[in-house]
């Protein structure tokens, strides 16, 4: 019973803040949920990205989120060398509070990166993203104090949901997102980037209530993100990557910053990225420490991280914020351009 009550508490915290977006600790490994302008921002033919996160495992199925994206350049024979136009398709599935609240969506992104110097190392780009989403709530799984009597829970609806019709428990909506991105290099070996993205530009209505125009109707608040970072050679063979993200949505915000070091297993004389492993950590301000371990081998990158909760909520979570795994498959061309790009690992 105690765990069920805790699940409901977190469910309503999620509702009160007007449906906060799911997010990943390894933000750059899920590029199209961070910034549509990141579509096609890699040196290769295509990129497949998969992410899965389980949050707060001490609470039964509190949050489980999975995303998948596939992006690739298009029309390269018709645009100037160094410029990139790209298409990305992506999807996300999120289940909250033991599958009581579910969100599924599919997106199509289009981006254009413009090189503005002779080296083609420095680019500025923009992207737009159209999304069709479906969210649902299973009222039958909810129990409240006003449904409890001396014989246990009875079947009548709680006053909390007296205005909610179970038939009206699924909502579909259209969403629009956009972003810009600067990426540059001073010598072709390092990389610096700065991006800004805006999600839910149209603020779609997301209400399960029966009455139209109710002052308590829920709307999907706009989310803004500022993200920056870079990668730099350390010594002859290692690479240091740093990143910082500040996201805002409704009255909530988060700041995450950190870094990791990439160490190769062996030296690749062909100039391509060698096999190796990465390790490091991020810190979500006033919330969690996030150690990270990654592996790169040929076209495959795998990342593992774990949120160690250090906020006041750790009395419930027992510091177990949640595990996250990412996988990126990057198909490279036989002739790599060697253009530095934001590094997710």
Protein backbone atom coordinates (compact mmCIF):
# COMPACT_ATOMS: atom_id res chain seq x y z
CA UNK A 1 0.00 0.00 0.00
CA UNK A 2 2.81 2.40 0.89
CA UNK A 3 4.43 1.97 -2.53
CA UNK A 4 1.09 2.51 -4.29
CA UNK A 5 0.59 5.77 -2.40
CA UNK A 6 4.11 6.87 -3.34
CA UNK A 7 3.41 6.09 -6.98
CA UNK A 8 0.28 8.25 -6.85
CA UNK A 9 2.20 11.08 -5.22
CA UNK A 10 4.73 11.09 -8.06
CA UNK A 11 1.97 10.78 -10.63
CA UNK A 12 0.22 13.88 -9.35
CA UNK A 13 3.48 15.77 -9.01
CA UNK A 14 3.92 15.06 -12.71
CA UNK A 15 0.40 16.32 -13.45
CA UNK A 16 0.61 19.46 -11.35
CA UNK A 17 3.63 20.72 -13.31
CA UNK A 18 1.63 20.40 -16.53
CA UNK A 19 3.11 17.25 -18.04
CA UNK A 20 6.87 17.72 -17.89
CA UNK A 21 8.75 16.10 -20.77
CA UNK A 22 10.67 12.84 -20.39
CA UNK A 23 14.41 13.47 -20.56
CA UNK A 24 17.64 11.49 -20.72
CA UNK A 25 20.78 11.93 -18.68
CA UNK A 26 22.82 11.09 -21.81
CA UNK A 27 21.14 13.91 -23.71
CA UNK A 28 23.39 13.96 -26.81
CA UNK A 29 22.84 10.25 -27.43
CA UNK A 30 19.17 11.04 -28.07
CA UNK A 31 19.80 13.98 -30.41
CA UNK A 32 16.30 14.58 -31.74
CA UNK A 33 14.75 14.88 -28.27
CA UNK A 34 17.34 17.58 -27.47
CA UNK A 35 17.45 19.69 -30.64
CA UNK A 36 15.98 19.11 -34.14
CA UNK A 37 19.02 20.95 -35.56
CA UNK A 38 21.17 17.96 -34.52
CA UNK A 39 19.60 15.87 -37.30
CA UNK A 40 22.41 14.92 -39.69
CA UNK A 41 25.10 16.47 -37.49
CA UNK A 42 27.65 13.68 -37.84
CA UNK A 43 30.31 12.59 -40.31
CA UNK A 44 28.76 9.61 -42.06
CA UNK A 45 25.94 8.14 -44.12
CA UNK A 46 23.36 7.52 -41.39
CA UNK A 47 22.96 7.29 -37.61
CA UNK A 48 20.72 5.03 -35.53
CA UNK A 49 20.27 6.00 -31.87
CA UNK A 50 18.46 3.99 -29.18
CA UNK A 51 17.99 5.00 -25.53
CA UNK A 52 16.28 3.38 -22.57
CA UNK A 53 15.94 4.73 -19.04
CA UNK A 54 14.33 3.32 -15.90
CA UNK A 55 13.88 5.92 -13.18
CA UNK A 56 13.45 5.40 -9.43
CA UNK A 57 13.48 1.56 -9.33
CA UNK A 58 12.45 1.54 -5.63
CA UNK A 59 9.00 2.68 -6.84
CA UNK A 60 7.33 0.01 -9.03
CA UNK A 61 7.65 1.17 -12.65
CA UNK A 62 7.69 4.84 -11.69
CA UNK A 63 9.07 5.96 -15.07
CA UNK A 64 10.26 3.93 -18.05
CA UNK A 65 11.30 5.75 -21.22
CA UNK A 66 12.56 4.46 -24.56
CA UNK A 67 13.50 6.52 -27.63
CA UNK A 68 14.69 5.64 -31.13
CA UNK A 69 15.88 7.91 -33.92
CA UNK A 70 17.29 7.49 -37.41
CA UNK A 71 18.77 10.42 -39.34
CA UNK A 72 20.70 10.82 -42.58
CA UNK A 73 21.88 13.49 -45.06
CA UNK A 74 19.89 14.07 -48.25
CA UNK A 75 20.40 15.87 -51.60
CA UNK A 76 24.15 16.16 -51.06
CA UNK A 77 24.77 16.24 -54.81
CA UNK A 78 22.64 19.39 -55.13
CA UNK A 79 24.04 21.54 -52.34
CA UNK A 80 27.40 23.16 -51.73
CA UNK A 81 30.23 21.02 -50.41
CA UNK A 82 30.42 21.44 -46.65
CA UNK A 83 26.70 22.13 -46.26
CA UNK A 84 24.38 19.40 -45.01
CA UNK A 85 20.66 18.90 -45.37
CA UNK A 86 19.23 16.02 -43.37
CA UNK A 87 16.05 14.18 -42.44
CA UNK A 88 15.42 12.46 -39.13
CA UNK A 89 12.62 10.18 -37.95
CA UNK A 90 12.20 9.41 -34.28
CA UNK A 91 9.83 7.96 -31.73
CA UNK A 92 9.46 7.86 -27.98
CA UNK A 93 7.48 5.74 -25.54
CA UNK A 94 7.10 6.78 -21.92
CA UNK A 95 5.14 5.05 -19.14
CA UNK A 96 4.62 6.62 -15.71
CA UNK A 97 3.26 5.41 -12.37
CA UNK A 98 3.09 1.69 -13.15
CA UNK A 99 1.69 2.30 -16.66
CA UNK A 100 -1.14 4.53 -15.44
CA UNK A 101 -0.04 7.42 -17.65
CA UNK A 102 1.41 6.65 -21.10
CA UNK A 103 2.87 8.78 -23.87
CA UNK A 104 3.82 7.65 -27.37
CA UNK A 105 4.85 9.84 -30.27
CA UNK A 106 6.49 9.84 -33.67
CA UNK A 107 8.39 12.77 -35.21
CA UNK A 108 9.87 13.87 -38.51
CA UNK A 109 12.74 16.38 -38.45
CA UNK A 110 14.43 18.39 -41.18
CA UNK A 111 17.66 20.35 -40.71
CA UNK A 112 20.12 22.38 -42.74
CA UNK A 113 23.74 23.07 -41.74
CA UNK A 114 25.58 25.89 -43.51
CA UNK A 115 29.39 26.03 -43.53
CA UNK A 116 30.60 29.63 -43.44
CA UNK A 117 34.37 29.34 -43.89
CA UNK A 118 36.81 27.67 -46.26
CA UNK A 119 37.76 24.91 -43.82
CA UNK A 120 34.10 23.78 -43.56
CA UNK A 121 34.76 23.20 -39.86
CA UNK A 122 32.43 25.98 -38.71
CA UNK A 123 28.72 25.62 -39.39
CA UNK A 124 25.47 27.12 -38.29
CA UNK A 125 22.24 25.24 -38.74
CA UNK A 126 18.58 25.11 -37.91
CA UNK A 127 16.02 22.35 -37.70
CA UNK A 128 12.26 21.94 -37.42
CA UNK A 129 10.33 18.96 -36.15
CA UNK A 130 6.70 17.90 -36.50
CA UNK A 131 5.29 15.41 -34.01
CA UNK A 132 2.09 13.42 -33.68
CA UNK A 133 1.54 12.19 -30.14
CA UNK A 134 -0.92 10.09 -28.17
CA UNK A 135 -1.23 10.08 -24.39
CA UNK A 136 -3.59 8.05 -22.22
CA UNK A 137 -4.53 7.54 -18.59
CA UNK A 138 -5.92 4.36 -17.01
CA UNK A 139 -8.35 5.68 -14.38
CA UNK A 140 -9.24 2.17 -13.25
CA UNK A 141 -5.77 1.72 -11.72
CA UNK A 142 -6.10 4.81 -9.51
CA UNK A 143 -7.12 4.63 -5.85
CA UNK A 144 -7.75 7.61 -3.57
CA UNK A 145 -8.45 8.22 0.09
CA UNK A 146 -12.09 9.19 -0.55
CA UNK A 147 -12.71 5.76 -2.11
CA UNK A 148 -11.69 3.95 1.08
CA UNK A 149 -14.14 2.78 3.75
CA UNK A 150 -14.06 0.18 6.52
CA UNK A 151 -14.44 -2.61 3.93
CA UNK A 152 -11.62 -1.43 1.70
CA UNK A 153 -11.71 0.36 -1.66
CA UNK A 154 -15.02 0.59 -3.52
CA UNK A 155 -15.55 1.06 -7.23
CA UNK A 156 -17.02 4.58 -7.41
CA UNK A 157 -14.80 7.23 -8.92
CA UNK A 158 -12.93 9.56 -6.64
CA UNK A 159 -13.98 13.20 -6.48
CA UNK A 160 -10.48 13.90 -7.83
CA UNK A 161 -11.67 12.55 -11.18
CA UNK A 162 -15.37 13.38 -11.03
CA UNK A 163 -14.99 15.44 -14.23
CA UNK A 164 -13.07 12.76 -16.11
CA UNK A 165 -14.88 10.41 -18.45
CA UNK A 166 -13.04 7.07 -18.88
CA UNK A 167 -14.08 7.11 -22.54
CA UNK A 168 -12.19 10.40 -22.82
CA UNK A 169 -9.00 8.90 -21.37
CA UNK A 170 -6.88 9.17 -24.53
CA UNK A 171 -5.74 12.35 -26.23
CA UNK A 172 -4.01 12.74 -29.60
CA UNK A 173 -2.33 15.98 -30.59
CA UNK A 174 0.04 17.62 -33.07
CA UNK A 175 3.25 19.24 -31.80
CA UNK A 176 5.84 21.55 -33.34
CA UNK A 177 9.50 21.98 -32.31
CA UNK A 178 12.53 23.90 -33.61
CA UNK A 179 16.18 24.56 -32.85
CA UNK A 180 19.42 26.20 -33.94
CA UNK A 181 23.00 24.97 -33.58
CA UNK A 182 26.49 26.39 -34.00
CA UNK A 183 29.36 23.93 -34.32
CA UNK A 184 32.96 24.91 -34.94
CA UNK A 185 36.62 24.00 -34.67
CA UNK A 186 39.82 26.03 -34.43
CA UNK A 187 42.12 23.40 -35.89
CA UNK A 188 40.08 20.45 -37.18
CA UNK A 189 40.85 18.37 -34.08
CA UNK A 190 38.78 20.07 -31.38
CA UNK A 191 35.07 20.89 -31.52
CA UNK A 192 32.88 23.51 -29.87
CA UNK A 193 29.10 23.71 -30.10
CA UNK A 194 26.27 25.87 -28.82
CA UNK A 195 22.60 25.14 -29.39
CA UNK A 196 19.16 26.39 -28.47
CA UNK A 197 15.92 24.45 -28.95
CA UNK A 198 12.23 25.07 -28.34
CA UNK A 199 9.71 22.26 -27.99
CA UNK A 200 5.88 22.51 -27.95
CA UNK A 201 5.78 25.82 -29.78
CA UNK A 202 2.03 25.45 -30.26
CA UNK A 203 1.41 24.42 -26.61
CA UNK A 204 -1.10 21.66 -27.43
CA UNK A 205 -4.03 21.04 -25.10
CA UNK A 206 -3.53 17.90 -23.04
CA UNK A 207 -6.62 17.54 -20.86
CA UNK A 208 -8.69 14.49 -19.95
CA UNK A 209 -11.54 16.57 -18.49
CA UNK A 210 -15.01 16.55 -20.06
CA UNK A 211 -15.73 20.27 -19.98
CA UNK A 212 -14.30 22.53 -22.68
CA UNK A 213 -12.53 25.71 -21.67
CA UNK A 214 -12.12 24.67 -18.04
CA UNK A 215 -9.66 26.94 -16.28
CA UNK A 216 -7.95 23.81 -14.95
CA UNK A 217 -7.36 22.34 -18.41
CA UNK A 218 -3.83 21.03 -18.87
CA UNK A 219 -1.59 22.34 -21.63
CA UNK A 220 1.80 21.05 -22.65
CA UNK A 221 4.14 23.82 -21.57
CA UNK A 222 6.89 24.93 -23.91
CA UNK A 223 10.36 23.55 -23.19
CA UNK A 224 13.50 25.53 -23.96
CA UNK A 225 17.02 24.14 -23.85
CA UNK A 226 20.43 25.79 -24.02
CA UNK A 227 23.21 23.26 -24.56
CA UNK A 228 26.92 23.76 -25.09
CA UNK A 229 30.14 21.79 -24.97
CA UNK A 230 33.24 20.69 -26.74
CA UNK A 231 35.86 18.00 -27.22
CA UNK A 232 39.61 18.55 -27.02
CA UNK A 233 42.68 16.35 -27.56
CA UNK A 234 44.54 15.50 -24.37
CA UNK A 235 48.09 14.38 -24.96
CA UNK A 236 48.64 12.46 -28.19
CA UNK A 237 45.76 10.01 -28.13
CA UNK A 238 43.09 10.83 -25.53
CA UNK A 239 40.10 13.17 -25.91
CA UNK A 240 38.31 15.17 -23.23
CA UNK A 241 34.63 16.05 -23.82
CA UNK A 242 32.69 18.58 -21.74
CA UNK A 243 28.99 19.47 -21.88
CA UNK A 244 26.38 21.58 -20.10
CA UNK A 245 22.60 21.73 -20.53
CA UNK A 246 20.07 24.12 -19.02
CA UNK A 247 16.43 23.25 -19.68
CA UNK A 248 13.29 25.20 -18.74
CA UNK A 249 9.68 24.04 -18.79
CA UNK A 250 6.80 25.78 -17.05
CA UNK A 251 8.12 26.58 -13.53
CA UNK A 252 10.70 23.79 -13.58
CA UNK A 253 14.31 23.91 -14.71
CA UNK A 254 17.38 21.72 -14.59
CA UNK A 255 21.09 22.24 -15.05
CA UNK A 256 23.33 19.32 -15.98
CA UNK A 257 27.08 19.57 -16.60
CA UNK A 258 29.93 17.11 -16.77
CA UNK A 259 32.61 15.50 -18.85
CA UNK A 260 34.31 12.28 -19.84
CA UNK A 261 37.67 11.11 -21.13
CA UNK A 262 38.04 8.86 -24.17
CA UNK A 263 40.99 6.44 -24.15
CA UNK A 264 41.77 4.31 -27.24
CA UNK A 265 42.68 0.65 -27.03
CA UNK A 266 45.13 1.06 -29.90
CA UNK A 267 46.24 3.68 -32.40
CA UNK A 268 44.36 3.73 -35.70
CA UNK A 269 46.76 4.68 -38.47
CA UNK A 270 43.91 5.31 -40.94
CA UNK A 271 42.84 8.38 -39.02
CA UNK A 272 39.39 7.05 -38.13
CA UNK A 273 38.15 7.05 -34.57
CA UNK A 274 39.82 4.08 -32.86
CA UNK A 275 38.17 1.56 -30.58
CA UNK A 276 38.30 2.63 -26.96
CA UNK A 277 36.38 3.35 -23.81
CA UNK A 278 35.10 6.49 -22.12
CA UNK A 279 34.53 7.25 -18.47
CA UNK A 280 33.38 10.28 -16.56
CA UNK A 281 30.46 11.80 -14.70
CA UNK A 282 27.77 14.47 -14.87
CA UNK A 283 26.00 16.37 -12.14
CA UNK A 284 22.36 17.42 -12.21
CA UNK A 285 22.25 20.45 -9.94
CA UNK A 286 20.66 19.70 -6.54
CA UNK A 287 19.46 16.31 -7.77
CA UNK A 288 21.90 13.60 -8.87
CA UNK A 289 25.45 12.51 -9.61
CA UNK A 290 25.59 10.54 -12.87
CA UNK A 291 28.65 8.33 -13.46
CA UNK A 292 29.14 7.22 -17.06
CA UNK A 293 30.98 4.43 -18.89
CA UNK A 294 31.12 4.09 -22.68
CA UNK A 295 32.57 1.74 -25.29
CA UNK A 296 33.35 2.51 -28.94
CA UNK A 297 34.11 -0.26 -31.41
CA UNK A 298 34.07 0.28 -35.18
CA UNK A 299 30.66 1.82 -36.02
CA UNK A 300 29.06 1.08 -32.64
CA UNK A 301 28.99 3.20 -29.47
CA UNK A 302 27.45 1.96 -26.21
CA UNK A 303 26.92 4.13 -23.14
CA UNK A 304 25.89 3.21 -19.58
CA UNK A 305 25.02 5.69 -16.86
CA UNK A 306 23.30 5.67 -13.48
CA UNK A 307 21.59 8.53 -11.67
CA UNK A 308 22.61 8.50 -8.01
CA UNK A 309 19.99 10.64 -6.31
CA UNK A 310 21.34 13.05 -3.69
CA UNK A 311 18.33 15.38 -3.26
CA UNK A 312 15.78 15.32 -0.44
CA UNK A 313 13.81 12.68 -2.30
CA UNK A 314 16.54 10.09 -1.64
CA UNK A 315 14.68 9.01 1.52
CA UNK A 316 12.16 7.43 -0.86
CA UNK A 317 14.46 6.46 -3.74
CA UNK A 318 17.25 5.17 -1.47
CA UNK A 319 19.65 7.19 -3.75
CA UNK A 320 18.66 4.95 -6.68
CA UNK A 321 17.80 7.47 -9.36
CA UNK A 322 17.83 5.08 -12.29
CA UNK A 323 19.82 3.32 -14.98
CA UNK A 324 20.17 4.42 -18.60
CA UNK A 325 21.67 2.70 -21.63
CA UNK A 326 22.33 4.17 -25.07
CA UNK A 327 23.39 2.65 -28.37
CA UNK A 328 24.51 4.53 -31.48
CA UNK A 329 25.21 2.87 -34.81
CA UNK A 330 27.01 5.27 -37.15
CA UNK A 331 27.56 4.19 -40.72
CA UNK A 332 30.59 6.03 -42.11
CA UNK A 333 31.54 6.67 -45.71
CA UNK A 334 34.68 5.14 -47.18
CA UNK A 335 36.10 8.62 -47.45
CA UNK A 336 35.49 10.49 -44.20
CA UNK A 337 35.36 14.27 -44.39
CA UNK A 338 36.98 14.58 -40.98
CA UNK A 339 34.66 17.39 -39.91
CA UNK A 340 34.48 17.65 -36.08
CA UNK A 341 30.98 17.17 -34.68
CA UNK A 342 29.40 17.20 -31.18
CA UNK A 343 30.44 13.97 -29.49
CA UNK A 344 27.80 11.99 -27.54
CA UNK A 345 30.45 9.58 -26.18
